[in-house]
Amino acid sequence: MMKINKENPAYVEYYNKWHSLAYELKEKLSEAEEQDKKNNFRGRDGKSCEITKEYSLLFNKLMNEYSFLYEEEKE
């Protein structure tokens, strides 16, 4: 199992970027979900699904960029 090294100086930067993305995602999703409800979209039909896919790629890119922060958890 992997865990993040919070002692690394780059962790604060990573944390801030992660939360910034999460905030953007939350804002965009809440708007899109309301619009999807008005348009009676369900499941993968609506804008909210597109936004989720887009941000999933951004989160993965961020994790890869900061992959050096992740280390094997010692048992």
PDB file of N, CA and C in Angstrom:
ATOM      1  N   MET A   1       0.840  -1.179   0.000  1.00  0.00           N
ATOM      2  CA  MET A   1       0.000   0.000   0.000  1.00  0.00           C
ATOM      3  C   MET A   1       0.890   1.249   0.000  1.00  0.00           C
ATOM      4  N   MET A   2       0.476   2.245  -0.757  1.00  0.00           N
ATOM      5  CA  MET A   2       1.258   3.477  -0.878  1.00  0.00           C
ATOM      6  C   MET A   2       0.712   4.546   0.069  1.00  0.00           C
ATOM      7  N   LYS A   3       1.638   5.360   0.555  1.00  0.00           N
ATOM      8  CA  LYS A   3       1.232   6.507   1.361  1.00  0.00           C
ATOM      9  C   LYS A   3       2.061   7.701   0.913  1.00  0.00           C
ATOM     10  N   ILE A   4       1.566   8.887   1.204  1.00  0.00           N
ATOM     11  CA  ILE A   4       2.243  10.103   0.775  1.00  0.00           C
ATOM     12  C   ILE A   4       3.167  10.593   1.883  1.00  0.00           C
ATOM     13  N   ASN A   5       4.328  11.061   1.491  1.00  0.00           N
ATOM     14  CA  ASN A   5       5.307  11.579   2.439  1.00  0.00           C
ATOM     15  C   ASN A   5       4.992  13.056   2.714  1.00  0.00           C
ATOM     16  N   LYS A   6       4.353  13.320   3.820  1.00  0.00           N
ATOM     17  CA  LYS A   6       3.960  14.691   4.173  1.00  0.00           C
ATOM     18  C   LYS A   6       5.131  15.513   4.689  1.00  0.00           C
ATOM     19  N   GLU A   7       6.250  14.876   4.927  1.00  0.00           N
ATOM     20  CA  GLU A   7       7.446  15.572   5.414  1.00  0.00           C
ATOM     21  C   GLU A   7       8.249  16.211   4.280  1.00  0.00           C
ATOM     22  N   ASN A   8       8.002  15.775   3.072  1.00  0.00           N
ATOM     23  CA  ASN A   8       8.715  16.312   1.919  1.00  0.00           C
ATOM     24  C   ASN A   8       8.318  17.780   1.706  1.00  0.00           C
ATOM     25  N   PRO A   9       9.266  18.669   1.449  1.00  0.00           N
ATOM     26  CA  PRO A   9       8.954  20.095   1.243  1.00  0.00           C
ATOM     27  C   PRO A   9       7.987  20.347   0.078  1.00  0.00           C
ATOM     28  N   ALA A  10       7.953  19.472  -0.902  1.00  0.00           N
ATOM     29  CA  ALA A  10       7.069  19.645  -2.056  1.00  0.00           C
ATOM     30  C   ALA A  10       5.618  19.273  -1.737  1.00  0.00           C
ATOM     31  N   TYR A  11       5.396  18.671  -0.588  1.00  0.00           N
ATOM     32  CA  TYR A  11       4.042  18.237  -0.230  1.00  0.00           C
ATOM     33  C   TYR A  11       3.063  19.411  -0.156  1.00  0.00           C
ATOM     34  N   VAL A  12       3.488  20.524   0.393  1.00  0.00           N
ATOM     35  CA  VAL A  12       2.598  21.684   0.537  1.00  0.00           C
ATOM     36  C   VAL A  12       2.132  22.166  -0.835  1.00  0.00           C
ATOM     37  N   GLU A  13       3.051  22.229  -1.774  1.00  0.00           N
ATOM     38  CA  GLU A  13       2.702  22.645  -3.140  1.00  0.00           C
ATOM     39  C   GLU A  13       1.711  21.659  -3.763  1.00  0.00           C
ATOM     40  N   TYR A  14       1.990  20.376  -3.605  1.00  0.00           N
ATOM     41  CA  TYR A  14       1.111  19.322  -4.114  1.00  0.00           C
ATOM     42  C   TYR A  14      -0.277  19.438  -3.476  1.00  0.00           C
ATOM     43  N   TYR A  15      -0.303  19.593  -2.175  1.00  0.00           N
ATOM     44  CA  TYR A  15      -1.555  19.710  -1.432  1.00  0.00           C
ATOM     45  C   TYR A  15      -2.381  20.885  -1.939  1.00  0.00           C
ATOM     46  N   ASN A  16      -1.750  22.035  -2.133  1.00  0.00           N
ATOM     47  CA  ASN A  16      -2.450  23.223  -2.604  1.00  0.00           C
ATOM     48  C   ASN A  16      -2.993  23.039  -4.014  1.00  0.00           C
ATOM     49  N   LYS A  17      -2.201  22.424  -4.882  1.00  0.00           N
ATOM     50  CA  LYS A  17      -2.661  22.176  -6.248  1.00  0.00           C
ATOM     51  C   LYS A  17      -3.835  21.200  -6.251  1.00  0.00           C
ATOM     52  N   TRP A  18      -3.725  20.161  -5.430  1.00  0.00           N
ATOM     53  CA  TRP A  18      -4.785  19.151  -5.352  1.00  0.00           C
ATOM     54  C   TRP A  18      -6.098  19.799  -4.900  1.00  0.00           C
ATOM     55  N   HIS A  19      -6.031  20.606  -3.848  1.00  0.00           N
ATOM     56  CA  HIS A  19      -7.248  21.225  -3.326  1.00  0.00           C
ATOM     57  C   HIS A  19      -7.805  22.294  -4.261  1.00  0.00           C
ATOM     58  N   SER A  20      -6.944  22.951  -4.988  1.00  0.00           N
ATOM     59  CA  SER A  20      -7.396  23.910  -5.984  1.00  0.00           C
ATOM     60  C   SER A  20      -8.185  23.191  -7.084  1.00  0.00           C
ATOM     61  N   LEU A  21      -7.650  22.079  -7.551  1.00  0.00           N
ATOM     62  CA  LEU A  21      -8.365  21.281  -8.554  1.00  0.00           C
ATOM     63  C   LEU A  21      -9.691  20.761  -8.006  1.00  0.00           C
ATOM     64  N   ALA A  22      -9.664  20.291  -6.773  1.00  0.00           N
ATOM     65  CA  ALA A  22     -10.880  19.762  -6.152  1.00  0.00           C
ATOM     66  C   ALA A  22     -11.954  20.845  -6.037  1.00  0.00           C
ATOM     67  N   TYR A  23     -11.554  22.061  -5.690  1.00  0.00           N
ATOM     68  CA  TYR A  23     -12.493  23.171  -5.581  1.00  0.00           C
ATOM     69  C   TYR A  23     -13.089  23.509  -6.953  1.00  0.00           C
ATOM     70  N   GLU A  24     -12.224  23.568  -7.974  1.00  0.00           N
ATOM     71  CA  GLU A  24     -12.706  23.831  -9.334  1.00  0.00           C
ATOM     72  C   GLU A  24     -13.700  22.761  -9.761  1.00  0.00           C
ATOM     73  N   LEU A  25     -13.349  21.512  -9.503  1.00  0.00           N
ATOM     74  CA  LEU A  25     -14.219  20.393  -9.868  1.00  0.00           C
ATOM     75  C   LEU A  25     -15.575  20.527  -9.182  1.00  0.00           C
ATOM     76  N   LYS A  26     -15.566  20.814  -7.904  1.00  0.00           N
ATOM     77  CA  LYS A  26     -16.815  20.947  -7.146  1.00  0.00           C
ATOM     78  C   LYS A  26     -17.698  22.049  -7.723  1.00  0.00           C
ATOM     79  N   GLU A  27     -17.086  23.189  -8.037  1.00  0.00           N
ATOM     80  CA  GLU A  27     -17.836  24.309  -8.595  1.00  0.00           C
ATOM     81  C   GLU A  27     -18.448  23.949  -9.952  1.00  0.00           C
ATOM     82  N   LYS A  28     -17.626  23.385 -10.830  1.00  0.00           N
ATOM     83  CA  LYS A  28     -18.102  23.041 -12.171  1.00  0.00           C
ATOM     84  C   LYS A  28     -19.161  21.944 -12.123  1.00  0.00           C
ATOM     85  N   LEU A  29     -18.946  20.971 -11.238  1.00  0.00           N
ATOM     86  CA  LEU A  29     -19.906  19.872 -11.136  1.00  0.00           C
ATOM     87  C   LEU A  29     -21.257  20.337 -10.616  1.00  0.00           C
ATOM     88  N   SER A  30     -21.255  21.214  -9.631  1.00  0.00           N
ATOM     89  CA  SER A  30     -22.538  21.653  -9.087  1.00  0.00           C
ATOM     90  C   SER A  30     -23.346  22.400 -10.150  1.00  0.00           C
ATOM     91  N   GLU A  31     -22.685  23.223 -10.949  1.00  0.00           N
ATOM     92  CA  GLU A  31     -23.373  23.922 -12.039  1.00  0.00           C
ATOM     93  C   GLU A  31     -23.862  22.935 -13.093  1.00  0.00           C
ATOM     94  N   ALA A  32     -22.993  22.021 -13.489  1.00  0.00           N
ATOM     95  CA  ALA A  32     -23.336  21.059 -14.542  1.00  0.00           C
ATOM     96  C   ALA A  32     -24.446  20.109 -14.105  1.00  0.00           C
ATOM     97  N   GLU A  33     -24.411  19.675 -12.853  1.00  0.00           N
ATOM     98  CA  GLU A  33     -25.440  18.755 -12.367  1.00  0.00           C
ATOM     99  C   GLU A  33     -26.808  19.417 -12.353  1.00  0.00           C
ATOM    100  N   GLU A  34     -26.853  20.686 -11.999  1.00  0.00           N
ATOM    101  CA  GLU A  34     -28.127  21.402 -12.047  1.00  0.00           C
ATOM    102  C   GLU A  34     -28.641  21.473 -13.476  1.00  0.00           C
ATOM    103  N   GLN A  35     -27.742  21.788 -14.402  1.00  0.00           N
ATOM    104  CA  GLN A  35     -28.125  21.861 -15.807  1.00  0.00           C
ATOM    105  C   GLN A  35     -28.547  20.497 -16.327  1.00  0.00           C
ATOM    106  N   ASP A  36     -27.838  19.450 -15.915  1.00  0.00           N
ATOM    107  CA  ASP A  36     -28.204  18.095 -16.332  1.00  0.00           C
ATOM    108  C   ASP A  36     -29.601  17.726 -15.842  1.00  0.00           C
ATOM    109  N   LYS A  37     -29.923  18.123 -14.611  1.00  0.00           N
ATOM    110  CA  LYS A  37     -31.264  17.838 -14.077  1.00  0.00           C
ATOM    111  C   LYS A  37     -32.328  18.553 -14.893  1.00  0.00           C
ATOM    112  N   LYS A  38     -32.056  19.816 -15.241  1.00  0.00           N
ATOM    113  CA  LYS A  38     -33.012  20.578 -16.055  1.00  0.00           C
ATOM    114  C   LYS A  38     -33.216  19.929 -17.414  1.00  0.00           C
ATOM    115  N   ASN A  39     -32.131  19.362 -17.965  1.00  0.00           N
ATOM    116  CA  ASN A  39     -32.206  18.709 -19.270  1.00  0.00           C
ATOM    117  C   ASN A  39     -32.614  17.247 -19.182  1.00  0.00           C
ATOM    118  N   ASN A  40     -32.868  16.785 -17.951  1.00  0.00           N
ATOM    119  CA  ASN A  40     -33.299  15.416 -17.676  1.00  0.00           C
ATOM    120  C   ASN A  40     -32.289  14.372 -18.159  1.00  0.00           C
ATOM    121  N   PHE A  41     -30.989  14.700 -18.032  1.00  0.00           N
ATOM    122  CA  PHE A  41     -29.938  13.742 -18.367  1.00  0.00           C
ATOM    123  C   PHE A  41     -29.699  12.841 -17.173  1.00  0.00           C
ATOM    124  N   ARG A  42     -29.308  11.598 -17.482  1.00  0.00           N
ATOM    125  CA  ARG A  42     -28.981  10.652 -16.412  1.00  0.00           C
ATOM    126  C   ARG A  42     -27.714   9.905 -16.787  1.00  0.00           C
ATOM    127  N   GLY A  43     -27.021   9.435 -15.777  1.00  0.00           N
ATOM    128  CA  GLY A  43     -25.841   8.605 -16.015  1.00  0.00           C
ATOM    129  C   GLY A  43     -24.743   9.336 -16.748  1.00  0.00           C
ATOM    130  N   ARG A  44     -24.305   8.779 -17.861  1.00  0.00           N
ATOM    131  CA  ARG A  44     -23.147   9.315 -18.584  1.00  0.00           C
ATOM    132  C   ARG A  44     -23.537  10.262 -19.712  1.00  0.00           C
ATOM    133  N   ASP A  45     -24.765  10.699 -19.727  1.00  0.00           N
ATOM    134  CA  ASP A  45     -25.240  11.531 -20.823  1.00  0.00           C
ATOM    135  C   ASP A  45     -24.870  13.000 -20.683  1.00  0.00           C
ATOM    136  N   GLY A  46     -24.704  13.448 -19.470  1.00  0.00           N
ATOM    137  CA  GLY A  46     -24.631  14.882 -19.243  1.00  0.00           C
ATOM    138  C   GLY A  46     -23.245  15.474 -19.167  1.00  0.00           C
ATOM    139  N   LYS A  47     -23.246  16.771 -18.997  1.00  0.00           N
ATOM    140  CA  LYS A  47     -22.017  17.550 -18.898  1.00  0.00           C
ATOM    141  C   LYS A  47     -21.215  17.158 -17.653  1.00  0.00           C
ATOM    142  N   SER A  48     -21.892  16.800 -16.570  1.00  0.00           N
ATOM    143  CA  SER A  48     -21.190  16.450 -15.333  1.00  0.00           C
ATOM    144  C   SER A  48     -20.261  15.254 -15.534  1.00  0.00           C
ATOM    145  N   CYS A  49     -20.649  14.327 -16.366  1.00  0.00           N
ATOM    146  CA  CYS A  49     -19.796  13.165 -16.647  1.00  0.00           C
ATOM    147  C   CYS A  49     -18.548  13.605 -17.429  1.00  0.00           C
ATOM    148  N   GLU A  50     -18.719  14.499 -18.372  1.00  0.00           N
ATOM    149  CA  GLU A  50     -17.582  15.016 -19.139  1.00  0.00           C
ATOM    150  C   GLU A  50     -16.595  15.722 -18.219  1.00  0.00           C
ATOM    151  N   ILE A  51     -17.117  16.511 -17.305  1.00  0.00           N
ATOM    152  CA  ILE A  51     -16.276  17.251 -16.365  1.00  0.00           C
ATOM    153  C   ILE A  51     -15.516  16.288 -15.458  1.00  0.00           C
ATOM    154  N   THR A  52     -16.197  15.264 -14.972  1.00  0.00           N
ATOM    155  CA  THR A  52     -15.562  14.266 -14.110  1.00  0.00           C
ATOM    156  C   THR A  52     -14.413  13.573 -14.838  1.00  0.00           C
ATOM    157  N   LYS A  53     -14.616  13.216 -16.091  1.00  0.00           N
ATOM    158  CA  LYS A  53     -13.561  12.569 -16.876  1.00  0.00           C
ATOM    159  C   LYS A  53     -12.376  13.525 -17.057  1.00  0.00           C
ATOM    160  N   GLU A  54     -12.676  14.771 -17.383  1.00  0.00           N
ATOM    161  CA  GLU A  54     -11.627  15.771 -17.595  1.00  0.00           C
ATOM    162  C   GLU A  54     -10.779  15.943 -16.335  1.00  0.00           C
ATOM    163  N   TYR A  55     -11.438  16.084 -15.188  1.00  0.00           N
ATOM    164  CA  TYR A  55     -10.699  16.302 -13.939  1.00  0.00           C
ATOM    165  C   TYR A  55     -10.006  15.041 -13.447  1.00  0.00           C
ATOM    166  N   SER A  56     -10.533  13.899 -13.784  1.00  0.00           N
ATOM    167  CA  SER A  56      -9.853  12.653 -13.435  1.00  0.00           C
ATOM    168  C   SER A  56      -8.480  12.616 -14.098  1.00  0.00           C
ATOM    169  N   LEU A  57      -8.417  13.034 -15.346  1.00  0.00           N
ATOM    170  CA  LEU A  57      -7.136  13.088 -16.053  1.00  0.00           C
ATOM    171  C   LEU A  57      -6.194  14.103 -15.403  1.00  0.00           C
ATOM    172  N   LEU A  58      -6.732  15.241 -14.974  1.00  0.00           N
ATOM    173  CA  LEU A  58      -5.909  16.265 -14.328  1.00  0.00           C
ATOM    174  C   LEU A  58      -5.358  15.782 -12.986  1.00  0.00           C
ATOM    175  N   PHE A  59      -6.194  15.086 -12.211  1.00  0.00           N
ATOM    176  CA  PHE A  59      -5.731  14.543 -10.929  1.00  0.00           C
ATOM    177  C   PHE A  59      -4.652  13.479 -11.155  1.00  0.00           C
ATOM    178  N   ASN A  60      -4.839  12.631 -12.153  1.00  0.00           N
ATOM    179  CA  ASN A  60      -3.828  11.613 -12.460  1.00  0.00           C
ATOM    180  C   ASN A  60      -2.523  12.256 -12.897  1.00  0.00           C
ATOM    181  N   LYS A  61      -2.612  13.293 -13.706  1.00  0.00           N
ATOM    182  CA  LYS A  61      -1.417  14.008 -14.155  1.00  0.00           C
ATOM    183  C   LYS A  61      -0.681  14.606 -12.953  1.00  0.00           C
ATOM    184  N   LEU A  62      -1.428  15.210 -12.035  1.00  0.00           N
ATOM    185  CA  LEU A  62      -0.830  15.791 -10.829  1.00  0.00           C
ATOM    186  C   LEU A  62      -0.159  14.715  -9.980  1.00  0.00           C
ATOM    187  N   MET A  63      -0.825  13.582  -9.820  1.00  0.00           N
ATOM    188  CA  MET A  63      -0.237  12.483  -9.050  1.00  0.00           C
ATOM    189  C   MET A  63       1.048  11.978  -9.705  1.00  0.00           C
ATOM    190  N   ASN A  64       1.052  11.895 -11.020  1.00  0.00           N
ATOM    191  CA  ASN A  64       2.262  11.451 -11.718  1.00  0.00           C
ATOM    192  C   ASN A  64       3.380  12.466 -11.574  1.00  0.00           C
ATOM    193  N   GLU A  65       3.035  13.747 -11.639  1.00  0.00           N
ATOM    194  CA  GLU A  65       4.027  14.814 -11.491  1.00  0.00           C
ATOM    195  C   GLU A  65       4.687  14.772 -10.112  1.00  0.00           C
ATOM    196  N   TYR A  66       3.904  14.414  -9.101  1.00  0.00           N
ATOM    197  CA  TYR A  66       4.403  14.363  -7.724  1.00  0.00           C
ATOM    198  C   TYR A  66       4.536  12.920  -7.225  1.00  0.00           C
ATOM    199  N   SER A  67       4.768  12.000  -8.119  1.00  0.00           N
ATOM    200  CA  SER A  67       4.859  10.583  -7.739  1.00  0.00           C
ATOM    201  C   SER A  67       6.000  10.321  -6.761  1.00  0.00           C
ATOM    202  N   PHE A  68       7.000  11.198  -6.766  1.00  0.00           N
ATOM    203  CA  PHE A  68       8.119  11.033  -5.837  1.00  0.00           C
ATOM    204  C   PHE A  68       7.683  11.201  -4.379  1.00  0.00           C
ATOM    205  N   LEU A  69       6.497  11.752  -4.147  1.00  0.00           N
ATOM    206  CA  LEU A  69       5.997  11.910  -2.777  1.00  0.00           C
ATOM    207  C   LEU A  69       5.419  10.611  -2.224  1.00  0.00           C
ATOM    208  N   TYR A  70       5.081   9.688  -3.103  1.00  0.00           N
ATOM    209  CA  TYR A  70       4.466   8.436  -2.674  1.00  0.00           C
ATOM    210  C   TYR A  70       5.526   7.381  -2.395  1.00  0.00           C
ATOM    211  N   GLU A  71       5.318   6.657  -1.328  1.00  0.00           N
ATOM    212  CA  GLU A  71       6.264   5.607  -0.940  1.00  0.00           C
ATOM    213  C   GLU A  71       5.498   4.427  -0.372  1.00  0.00           C
ATOM    214  N   GLU A  72       6.124   3.279  -0.407  1.00  0.00           N
ATOM    215  CA  GLU A  72       5.530   2.079   0.156  1.00  0.00           C
ATOM    216  C   GLU A  72       5.323   2.246   1.650  1.00  0.00           C
ATOM    217  N   GLU A  73       4.166   1.875   2.109  1.00  0.00           N
ATOM    218  CA  GLU A  73       3.875   1.941   3.537  1.00  0.00           C
ATOM    219  C   GLU A  73       4.549   0.771   4.227  1.00  0.00           C
ATOM    220  N   LYS A  74       5.242   1.064   5.307  1.00  0.00           N
ATOM    221  CA  LYS A  74       5.936   0.011   6.055  1.00  0.00           C
ATOM    222  C   LYS A  74       4.944  -0.654   7.001  1.00  0.00           C
ATOM    223  N   GLU A  75       5.006  -1.952   7.042  1.00  0.00           N
ATOM    224  CA  GLU A  75       4.061  -2.697   7.895  1.00  0.00           C
ATOM    225  C   GLU A  75       4.629  -2.955   9.253  1.00  0.00           C
TER     226      GLU A  75
END
